[in-house]
Amino acid sequence: MSKHFEDARYYLGRATEHAKAGVAEELEPVETRVKELVGREDEEPEPEPSRLDKLQADLKRIEERAEGEAREAVASARERVAEYRGKDAAAAE
């Protein structure tokens, strides 16, 4: 007998879920119309970034910083090489 009650409870829960979804679907146009009349837009809060998103943003920032530092180091090395070559050319004359 207990199994019958468990089954009935399960199907009652399913029926409730379907009824809730049906009511939400039927009331969606009404909700939209009321929000338009009141002047409220459909405001969905922006979701917080996940851990993966945060890590990807951090890695992107670190990558950009490393690229900038590498460019500066290359530019500095080129300047030193140019100065060195300039001194050699002046000494040879």
PDB file of N, CA and C in Angstrom:
ATOM      1  N   MET A   1       0.825  -1.188   0.000  1.00  0.00           N
ATOM      2  CA  MET A   1       0.000   0.000   0.000  1.00  0.00           C
ATOM      3  C   MET A   1       0.869   1.251   0.000  1.00  0.00           C
ATOM      4  N   SER A   2       2.016   1.203   0.684  1.00  0.00           N
ATOM      5  CA  SER A   2       2.905   2.356   0.763  1.00  0.00           C
ATOM      6  C   SER A   2       3.415   2.745  -0.621  1.00  0.00           C
ATOM      7  N   LYS A   3       3.665   1.759  -1.468  1.00  0.00           N
ATOM      8  CA  LYS A   3       4.161   2.026  -2.819  1.00  0.00           C
ATOM      9  C   LYS A   3       3.150   2.860  -3.607  1.00  0.00           C
ATOM     10  N   HIS A   4       1.860   2.591  -3.404  1.00  0.00           N
ATOM     11  CA  HIS A   4       0.829   3.352  -4.104  1.00  0.00           C
ATOM     12  C   HIS A   4       0.864   4.816  -3.688  1.00  0.00           C
ATOM     13  N   PHE A   5       1.077   5.059  -2.398  1.00  0.00           N
ATOM     14  CA  PHE A   5       1.148   6.441  -1.916  1.00  0.00           C
ATOM     15  C   PHE A   5       2.396   7.144  -2.460  1.00  0.00           C
ATOM     16  N   GLU A   6       3.504   6.410  -2.529  1.00  0.00           N
ATOM     17  CA  GLU A   6       4.725   6.993  -3.088  1.00  0.00           C
ATOM     18  C   GLU A   6       4.521   7.362  -4.555  1.00  0.00           C
ATOM     19  N   ASP A   7       3.873   6.462  -5.293  1.00  0.00           N
ATOM     20  CA  ASP A   7       3.597   6.751  -6.701  1.00  0.00           C
ATOM     21  C   ASP A   7       2.670   7.952  -6.840  1.00  0.00           C
ATOM     22  N   ALA A   8       1.634   7.990  -6.022  1.00  0.00           N
ATOM     23  CA  ALA A   8       0.680   9.102  -6.083  1.00  0.00           C
ATOM     24  C   ALA A   8       1.376  10.417  -5.752  1.00  0.00           C
ATOM     25  N   ARG A   9       2.247  10.388  -4.760  1.00  0.00           N
ATOM     26  CA  ARG A   9       2.975  11.603  -4.378  1.00  0.00           C
ATOM     27  C   ARG A   9       3.884  12.056  -5.521  1.00  0.00           C
ATOM     28  N   TYR A  10       4.549  11.114  -6.175  1.00  0.00           N
ATOM     29  CA  TYR A  10       5.428  11.433  -7.300  1.00  0.00           C
ATOM     30  C   TYR A  10       4.638  12.107  -8.419  1.00  0.00           C
ATOM     31  N   TYR A  11       3.509  11.493  -8.799  1.00  0.00           N
ATOM     32  CA  TYR A  11       2.727  12.044  -9.902  1.00  0.00           C
ATOM     33  C   TYR A  11       2.067  13.367  -9.528  1.00  0.00           C
ATOM     34  N   LEU A  12       1.742  13.546  -8.268  1.00  0.00           N
ATOM     35  CA  LEU A  12       1.204  14.828  -7.816  1.00  0.00           C
ATOM     36  C   LEU A  12       2.275  15.911  -7.943  1.00  0.00           C
ATOM     37  N   GLY A  13       3.517  15.577  -7.603  1.00  0.00           N
ATOM     38  CA  GLY A  13       4.622  16.526  -7.759  1.00  0.00           C
ATOM     39  C   GLY A  13       4.851  16.881  -9.216  1.00  0.00           C
ATOM     40  N   ARG A  14       4.795  15.882 -10.093  1.00  0.00           N
ATOM     41  CA  ARG A  14       4.950  16.136 -11.533  1.00  0.00           C
ATOM     42  C   ARG A  14       3.831  17.029 -12.047  1.00  0.00           C
ATOM     43  N   ALA A  15       2.610  16.753 -11.603  1.00  0.00           N
ATOM     44  CA  ALA A  15       1.470  17.562 -12.039  1.00  0.00           C
ATOM     45  C   ALA A  15       1.628  19.000 -11.569  1.00  0.00           C
ATOM     46  N   THR A  16       2.144  19.179 -10.367  1.00  0.00           N
ATOM     47  CA  THR A  16       2.364  20.527  -9.838  1.00  0.00           C
ATOM     48  C   THR A  16       3.401  21.261 -10.670  1.00  0.00           C
ATOM     49  N   GLU A  17       4.493  20.592 -11.014  1.00  0.00           N
ATOM     50  CA  GLU A  17       5.533  21.214 -11.847  1.00  0.00           C
ATOM     51  C   GLU A  17       4.978  21.629 -13.206  1.00  0.00           C
ATOM     52  N   HIS A  18       4.180  20.761 -13.811  1.00  0.00           N
ATOM     53  CA  HIS A  18       3.605  21.077 -15.118  1.00  0.00           C
ATOM     54  C   HIS A  18       2.612  22.227 -15.017  1.00  0.00           C
ATOM     55  N   ALA A  19       1.823  22.242 -13.949  1.00  0.00           N
ATOM     56  CA  ALA A  19       0.861  23.331 -13.765  1.00  0.00           C
ATOM     57  C   ALA A  19       1.589  24.657 -13.578  1.00  0.00           C
ATOM     58  N   LYS A  20       2.659  24.649 -12.796  1.00  0.00           N
ATOM     59  CA  LYS A  20       3.438  25.872 -12.566  1.00  0.00           C
ATOM     60  C   LYS A  20       4.030  26.379 -13.876  1.00  0.00           C
ATOM     61  N   ALA A  21       4.596  25.474 -14.675  1.00  0.00           N
ATOM     62  CA  ALA A  21       5.176  25.869 -15.962  1.00  0.00           C
ATOM     63  C   ALA A  21       4.103  26.409 -16.896  1.00  0.00           C
ATOM     64  N   GLY A  22       2.920  25.793 -16.895  1.00  0.00           N
ATOM     65  CA  GLY A  22       1.826  26.250 -17.746  1.00  0.00           C
ATOM     66  C   GLY A  22       1.336  27.628 -17.355  1.00  0.00           C
ATOM     67  N   VAL A  23       1.190  27.869 -16.061  1.00  0.00           N
ATOM     68  CA  VAL A  23       0.745  29.183 -15.590  1.00  0.00           C
ATOM     69  C   VAL A  23       1.784  30.241 -15.939  1.00  0.00           C
ATOM     70  N   ALA A  24       3.054  29.938 -15.740  1.00  0.00           N
ATOM     71  CA  ALA A  24       4.114  30.897 -16.069  1.00  0.00           C
ATOM     72  C   ALA A  24       4.100  31.216 -17.559  1.00  0.00           C
ATOM     73  N   GLU A  25       3.889  30.207 -18.392  1.00  0.00           N
ATOM     74  CA  GLU A  25       3.858  30.415 -19.837  1.00  0.00           C
ATOM     75  C   GLU A  25       2.653  31.256 -20.245  1.00  0.00           C
ATOM     76  N   GLU A  26       1.507  31.003 -19.631  1.00  0.00           N
ATOM     77  CA  GLU A  26       0.300  31.759 -19.967  1.00  0.00           C
ATOM     78  C   GLU A  26       0.384  33.201 -19.494  1.00  0.00           C
ATOM     79  N   LEU A  27       1.038  33.438 -18.369  1.00  0.00           N
ATOM     80  CA  LEU A  27       1.095  34.788 -17.806  1.00  0.00           C
ATOM     81  C   LEU A  27       2.256  35.618 -18.343  1.00  0.00           C
ATOM     82  N   GLU A  28       3.163  35.018 -19.092  1.00  0.00           N
ATOM     83  CA  GLU A  28       4.324  35.749 -19.602  1.00  0.00           C
ATOM     84  C   GLU A  28       3.937  36.957 -20.454  1.00  0.00           C
ATOM     85  N   PRO A  29       2.995  36.842 -21.406  1.00  0.00           N
ATOM     86  CA  PRO A  29       2.616  38.033 -22.178  1.00  0.00           C
ATOM     87  C   PRO A  29       1.979  39.115 -21.310  1.00  0.00           C
ATOM     88  N   VAL A  30       1.193  38.698 -20.330  1.00  0.00           N
ATOM     89  CA  VAL A  30       0.562  39.668 -19.429  1.00  0.00           C
ATOM     90  C   VAL A  30       1.631  40.394 -18.624  1.00  0.00           C
ATOM     91  N   GLU A  31       2.606  39.656 -18.126  1.00  0.00           N
ATOM     92  CA  GLU A  31       3.695  40.255 -17.357  1.00  0.00           C
ATOM     93  C   GLU A  31       4.468  41.261 -18.205  1.00  0.00           C
ATOM     94  N   THR A  32       4.749  40.894 -19.439  1.00  0.00           N
ATOM     95  CA  THR A  32       5.474  41.793 -20.345  1.00  0.00           C
ATOM     96  C   THR A  32       4.678  43.065 -20.590  1.00  0.00           C
ATOM     97  N   ARG A  33       3.383  42.918 -20.827  1.00  0.00           N
ATOM     98  CA  ARG A  33       2.532  44.072 -21.089  1.00  0.00           C
ATOM     99  C   ARG A  33       2.469  44.990 -19.875  1.00  0.00           C
ATOM    100  N   VAL A  34       2.335  44.422 -18.686  1.00  0.00           N
ATOM    101  CA  VAL A  34       2.280  45.226 -17.459  1.00  0.00           C
ATOM    102  C   VAL A  34       3.600  45.953 -17.250  1.00  0.00           C
ATOM    103  N   LYS A  35       4.718  45.281 -17.478  1.00  0.00           N
ATOM    104  CA  LYS A  35       6.027  45.928 -17.318  1.00  0.00           C
ATOM    105  C   LYS A  35       6.189  47.080 -18.294  1.00  0.00           C
ATOM    106  N   GLU A  36       5.682  46.913 -19.518  1.00  0.00           N
ATOM    107  CA  GLU A  36       5.755  48.005 -20.492  1.00  0.00           C
ATOM    108  C   GLU A  36       4.911  49.188 -20.047  1.00  0.00           C
ATOM    109  N   LEU A  37       3.718  48.913 -19.521  1.00  0.00           N
ATOM    110  CA  LEU A  37       2.835  49.995 -19.070  1.00  0.00           C
ATOM    111  C   LEU A  37       3.411  50.731 -17.868  1.00  0.00           C
ATOM    112  N   VAL A  38       4.024  49.989 -16.976  1.00  0.00           N
ATOM    113  CA  VAL A  38       4.594  50.587 -15.768  1.00  0.00           C
ATOM    114  C   VAL A  38       5.916  51.273 -16.083  1.00  0.00           C
ATOM    115  N   GLY A  39       6.583  50.838 -17.136  1.00  0.00           N
ATOM    116  CA  GLY A  39       7.851  51.448 -17.517  1.00  0.00           C
ATOM    117  C   GLY A  39       9.053  50.691 -17.010  1.00  0.00           C
ATOM    118  N   ARG A  40       8.834  49.519 -16.502  1.00  0.00           N
ATOM    119  CA  ARG A  40       9.960  48.709 -16.033  1.00  0.00           C
ATOM    120  C   ARG A  40      10.383  47.768 -17.138  1.00  0.00           C
ATOM    121  N   GLU A  41      11.657  47.783 -17.403  1.00  0.00           N
ATOM    122  CA  GLU A  41      12.200  46.844 -18.378  1.00  0.00           C
ATOM    123  C   GLU A  41      12.458  45.518 -17.671  1.00  0.00           C
ATOM    124  N   ASP A  42      12.648  44.510 -18.456  1.00  0.00           N
ATOM    125  CA  ASP A  42      12.965  43.199 -17.898  1.00  0.00           C
ATOM    126  C   ASP A  42      14.400  43.239 -17.406  1.00  0.00           C
ATOM    127  N   GLU A  43      14.564  43.514 -16.133  1.00  0.00           N
ATOM    128  CA  GLU A  43      15.899  43.682 -15.555  1.00  0.00           C
ATOM    129  C   GLU A  43      16.388  42.363 -14.987  1.00  0.00           C
ATOM    130  N   GLU A  44      17.369  41.819 -15.650  1.00  0.00           N
ATOM    131  CA  GLU A  44      17.993  40.608 -15.141  1.00  0.00           C
ATOM    132  C   GLU A  44      19.353  40.995 -14.586  1.00  0.00           C
ATOM    133  N   PRO A  45      19.606  40.665 -13.337  1.00  0.00           N
ATOM    134  CA  PRO A  45      20.918  41.013 -12.788  1.00  0.00           C
ATOM    135  C   PRO A  45      22.009  40.274 -13.546  1.00  0.00           C
ATOM    136  N   GLU A  46      23.103  40.978 -13.735  1.00  0.00           N
ATOM    137  CA  GLU A  46      24.227  40.378 -14.441  1.00  0.00           C
ATOM    138  C   GLU A  46      24.843  39.310 -13.545  1.00  0.00           C
ATOM    139  N   PRO A  47      25.007  38.106 -14.075  1.00  0.00           N
ATOM    140  CA  PRO A  47      25.544  37.044 -13.227  1.00  0.00           C
ATOM    141  C   PRO A  47      26.986  37.336 -12.823  1.00  0.00           C
ATOM    142  N   GLU A  48      27.314  36.896 -11.625  1.00  0.00           N
ATOM    143  CA  GLU A  48      28.688  37.072 -11.155  1.00  0.00           C
ATOM    144  C   GLU A  48      29.598  36.137 -11.949  1.00  0.00           C
ATOM    145  N   PRO A  49      30.810  36.586 -12.215  1.00  0.00           N
ATOM    146  CA  PRO A  49      31.711  35.719 -12.979  1.00  0.00           C
ATOM    147  C   PRO A  49      32.064  34.465 -12.176  1.00  0.00           C
ATOM    148  N   SER A  50      32.146  33.361 -12.874  1.00  0.00           N
ATOM    149  CA  SER A  50      32.499  32.109 -12.220  1.00  0.00           C
ATOM    150  C   SER A  50      33.998  32.090 -11.934  1.00  0.00           C
ATOM    151  N   ARG A  51      34.425  31.080 -11.216  1.00  0.00           N
ATOM    152  CA  ARG A  51      35.858  30.961 -10.909  1.00  0.00           C
ATOM    153  C   ARG A  51      36.663  30.848 -12.194  1.00  0.00           C
ATOM    154  N   LEU A  52      36.132  30.109 -13.155  1.00  0.00           N
ATOM    155  CA  LEU A  52      36.828  29.950 -14.430  1.00  0.00           C
ATOM    156  C   LEU A  52      36.950  31.292 -15.137  1.00  0.00           C
ATOM    157  N   ASP A  53      35.861  32.068 -15.145  1.00  0.00           N
ATOM    158  CA  ASP A  53      35.903  33.383 -15.792  1.00  0.00           C
ATOM    159  C   ASP A  53      36.920  34.288 -15.108  1.00  0.00           C
ATOM    160  N   LYS A  54      36.949  34.246 -13.777  1.00  0.00           N
ATOM    161  CA  LYS A  54      37.909  35.072 -13.036  1.00  0.00           C
ATOM    162  C   LYS A  54      39.346  34.667 -13.370  1.00  0.00           C
ATOM    163  N   LEU A  55      39.590  33.357 -13.411  1.00  0.00           N
ATOM    164  CA  LEU A  55      40.936  32.875 -13.729  1.00  0.00           C
ATOM    165  C   LEU A  55      41.335  33.261 -15.145  1.00  0.00           C
ATOM    166  N   GLN A  56      40.394  33.137 -16.083  1.00  0.00           N
ATOM    167  CA  GLN A  56      40.703  33.506 -17.462  1.00  0.00           C
ATOM    168  C   GLN A  56      41.006  34.993 -17.569  1.00  0.00           C
ATOM    169  N   ALA A  57      40.255  35.821 -16.843  1.00  0.00           N
ATOM    170  CA  ALA A  57      40.503  37.264 -16.868  1.00  0.00           C
ATOM    171  C   ALA A  57      41.868  37.573 -16.261  1.00  0.00           C
ATOM    172  N   ASP A  58      42.194  36.899 -15.152  1.00  0.00           N
ATOM    173  CA  ASP A  58      43.507  37.105 -14.527  1.00  0.00           C
ATOM    174  C   ASP A  58      44.634  36.694 -15.477  1.00  0.00           C
ATOM    175  N   LEU A  59      44.475  35.545 -16.114  1.00  0.00           N
ATOM    176  CA  LEU A  59      45.506  35.084 -17.047  1.00  0.00           C
ATOM    177  C   LEU A  59      45.656  36.038 -18.221  1.00  0.00           C
ATOM    178  N   LYS A  60      44.555  36.570 -18.708  1.00  0.00           N
ATOM    179  CA  LYS A  60      44.613  37.515 -19.824  1.00  0.00           C
ATOM    180  C   LYS A  60      45.363  38.773 -19.402  1.00  0.00           C
ATOM    181  N   ARG A  61      45.073  39.271 -18.189  1.00  0.00           N
ATOM    182  CA  ARG A  61      45.743  40.471 -17.682  1.00  0.00           C
ATOM    183  C   ARG A  61      47.240  40.214 -17.510  1.00  0.00           C
ATOM    184  N   ILE A  62      47.595  39.064 -16.964  1.00  0.00           N
ATOM    185  CA  ILE A  62      49.006  38.717 -16.767  1.00  0.00           C
ATOM    186  C   ILE A  62      49.707  38.573 -18.115  1.00  0.00           C
ATOM    187  N   GLU A  63      49.019  37.951 -19.072  1.00  0.00           N
ATOM    188  CA  GLU A  63      49.598  37.781 -20.410  1.00  0.00           C
ATOM    189  C   GLU A  63      49.869  39.141 -21.055  1.00  0.00           C
ATOM    190  N   GLU A  64      48.917  40.057 -20.951  1.00  0.00           N
ATOM    191  CA  GLU A  64      49.103  41.389 -21.533  1.00  0.00           C
ATOM    192  C   GLU A  64      50.257  42.125 -20.860  1.00  0.00           C
ATOM    193  N   ARG A  65      50.354  41.988 -19.535  1.00  0.00           N
ATOM    194  CA  ARG A  65      51.450  42.639 -18.819  1.00  0.00           C
ATOM    195  C   ARG A  65      52.795  42.054 -19.247  1.00  0.00           C
ATOM    196  N   ALA A  66      52.856  40.727 -19.380  1.00  0.00           N
ATOM    197  CA  ALA A  66      54.105  40.080 -19.795  1.00  0.00           C
ATOM    198  C   ALA A  66      54.487  40.501 -21.212  1.00  0.00           C
ATOM    199  N   GLU A  67      53.493  40.621 -22.089  1.00  0.00           N
ATOM    200  CA  GLU A  67      53.793  41.070 -23.451  1.00  0.00           C
ATOM    201  C   GLU A  67      54.363  42.484 -23.439  1.00  0.00           C
ATOM    202  N   GLY A  68      53.780  43.347 -22.624  1.00  0.00           N
ATOM    203  CA  GLY A  68      54.277  44.721 -22.527  1.00  0.00           C
ATOM    204  C   GLY A  68      55.694  44.769 -22.004  1.00  0.00           C
ATOM    205  N   GLU A  69      55.969  43.984 -20.965  1.00  0.00           N
ATOM    206  CA  GLU A  69      57.318  43.951 -20.399  1.00  0.00           C
ATOM    207  C   GLU A  69      58.312  43.386 -21.410  1.00  0.00           C
ATOM    208  N   ALA A  70      57.901  42.377 -22.164  1.00  0.00           N
ATOM    209  CA  ALA A  70      58.795  41.791 -23.172  1.00  0.00           C
ATOM    210  C   ALA A  70      59.101  42.809 -24.266  1.00  0.00           C
ATOM    211  N   ARG A  71      58.082  43.552 -24.692  1.00  0.00           N
ATOM    212  CA  ARG A  71      58.315  44.578 -25.719  1.00  0.00           C
ATOM    213  C   ARG A  71      59.292  45.637 -25.215  1.00  0.00           C
ATOM    214  N   GLU A  72      59.117  46.042 -23.950  1.00  0.00           N
ATOM    215  CA  GLU A  72      60.029  47.038 -23.372  1.00  0.00           C
ATOM    216  C   GLU A  72      61.454  46.499 -23.314  1.00  0.00           C
ATOM    217  N   ALA A  73      61.605  45.237 -22.922  1.00  0.00           N
ATOM    218  CA  ALA A  73      62.936  44.636 -22.830  1.00  0.00           C
ATOM    219  C   ALA A  73      63.583  44.542 -24.206  1.00  0.00           C
ATOM    220  N   VAL A  74      62.821  44.167 -25.215  1.00  0.00           N
ATOM    221  CA  VAL A  74      63.362  44.073 -26.575  1.00  0.00           C
ATOM    222  C   VAL A  74      63.766  45.454 -27.073  1.00  0.00           C
ATOM    223  N   ALA A  75      62.919  46.456 -26.821  1.00  0.00           N
ATOM    224  CA  ALA A  75      63.241  47.819 -27.261  1.00  0.00           C
ATOM    225  C   ALA A  75      64.507  48.313 -26.572  1.00  0.00           C
ATOM    226  N   SER A  76      64.642  48.036 -25.282  1.00  0.00           N
ATOM    227  CA  SER A  76      65.829  48.446 -24.540  1.00  0.00           C
ATOM    228  C   SER A  76      67.075  47.748 -25.087  1.00  0.00           C
ATOM    229  N   ALA A  77      66.957  46.457 -25.373  1.00  0.00           N
ATOM    230  CA  ALA A  77      68.099  45.712 -25.912  1.00  0.00           C
ATOM    231  C   ALA A  77      68.496  46.247 -27.282  1.00  0.00           C
ATOM    232  N   ARG A  78      67.510  46.582 -28.096  1.00  0.00           N
ATOM    233  CA  ARG A  78      67.821  47.134 -29.422  1.00  0.00           C
ATOM    234  C   ARG A  78      68.548  48.467 -29.298  1.00  0.00           C
ATOM    235  N   GLU A  79      68.118  49.287 -28.348  1.00  0.00           N
ATOM    236  CA  GLU A  79      68.784  50.580 -28.135  1.00  0.00           C
ATOM    237  C   GLU A  79      70.237  50.373 -27.721  1.00  0.00           C
ATOM    238  N   ARG A  80      70.469  49.433 -26.805  1.00  0.00           N
ATOM    239  CA  ARG A  80      71.839  49.174 -26.351  1.00  0.00           C
ATOM    240  C   ARG A  80      72.706  48.636 -27.475  1.00  0.00           C
ATOM    241  N   VAL A  81      72.146  47.756 -28.294  1.00  0.00           N
ATOM    242  CA  VAL A  81      72.902  47.220 -29.432  1.00  0.00           C
ATOM    243  C   VAL A  81      73.219  48.335 -30.411  1.00  0.00           C
ATOM    244  N   ALA A  82      72.243  49.202 -30.669  1.00  0.00           N
ATOM    245  CA  ALA A  82      72.473  50.317 -31.597  1.00  0.00           C
ATOM    246  C   ALA A  82      73.548  51.247 -31.051  1.00  0.00           C
ATOM    247  N   GLU A  83      73.532  51.524 -29.751  1.00  0.00           N
ATOM    248  CA  GLU A  83      74.567  52.369 -29.138  1.00  0.00           C
ATOM    249  C   GLU A  83      75.934  51.699 -29.247  1.00  0.00           C
ATOM    250  N   TYR A  84      75.983  50.398 -28.982  1.00  0.00           N
ATOM    251  CA  TYR A  84      77.246  49.664 -29.046  1.00  0.00           C
ATOM    252  C   TYR A  84      77.804  49.688 -30.463  1.00  0.00           C
ATOM    253  N   ARG A  85      76.937  49.446 -31.434  1.00  0.00           N
ATOM    254  CA  ARG A  85      77.388  49.453 -32.830  1.00  0.00           C
ATOM    255  C   ARG A  85      77.819  50.851 -33.246  1.00  0.00           C
ATOM    256  N   GLY A  86      77.169  51.855 -32.719  1.00  0.00           N
ATOM    257  CA  GLY A  86      77.547  53.232 -33.028  1.00  0.00           C
ATOM    258  C   GLY A  86      78.922  53.559 -32.484  1.00  0.00           C
ATOM    259  N   LYS A  87      79.252  53.063 -31.299  1.00  0.00           N
ATOM    260  CA  LYS A  87      80.570  53.299 -30.704  1.00  0.00           C
ATOM    261  C   LYS A  87      81.647  52.576 -31.496  1.00  0.00           C
ATOM    262  N   ASP A  88      81.370  51.343 -31.956  1.00  0.00           N
ATOM    263  CA  ASP A  88      82.338  50.588 -32.762  1.00  0.00           C
ATOM    264  C   ASP A  88      82.620  51.301 -34.075  1.00  0.00           C
ATOM    265  N   ALA A  89      81.602  51.846 -34.685  1.00  0.00           N
ATOM    266  CA  ALA A  89      81.778  52.541 -35.969  1.00  0.00           C
ATOM    267  C   ALA A  89      82.600  53.805 -35.771  1.00  0.00           C
ATOM    268  N   ALA A  90      82.383  54.513 -34.666  1.00  0.00           N
ATOM    269  CA  ALA A  90      83.134  55.741 -34.391  1.00  0.00           C
ATOM    270  C   ALA A  90      84.590  55.409 -34.069  1.00  0.00           C
ATOM    271  N   ALA A  91      84.850  54.304 -33.379  1.00  0.00           N
ATOM    272  CA  ALA A  91      86.207  53.916 -33.014  1.00  0.00           C
ATOM    273  C   ALA A  91      86.991  53.439 -34.236  1.00  0.00           C
ATOM    274  N   ALA A  92      86.325  52.842 -35.207  1.00  0.00           N
ATOM    275  CA  ALA A  92      86.993  52.331 -36.402  1.00  0.00           C
ATOM    276  C   ALA A  92      87.449  53.464 -37.307  1.00  0.00           C
ATOM    277  N   GLU A  93      86.815  54.587 -37.233  1.00  0.00           N
ATOM    278  CA  GLU A  93      87.187  55.703 -38.119  1.00  0.00           C
ATOM    279  C   GLU A  93      88.358  56.402 -37.609  1.00  0.00           C
TER     280      GLU A  93
END
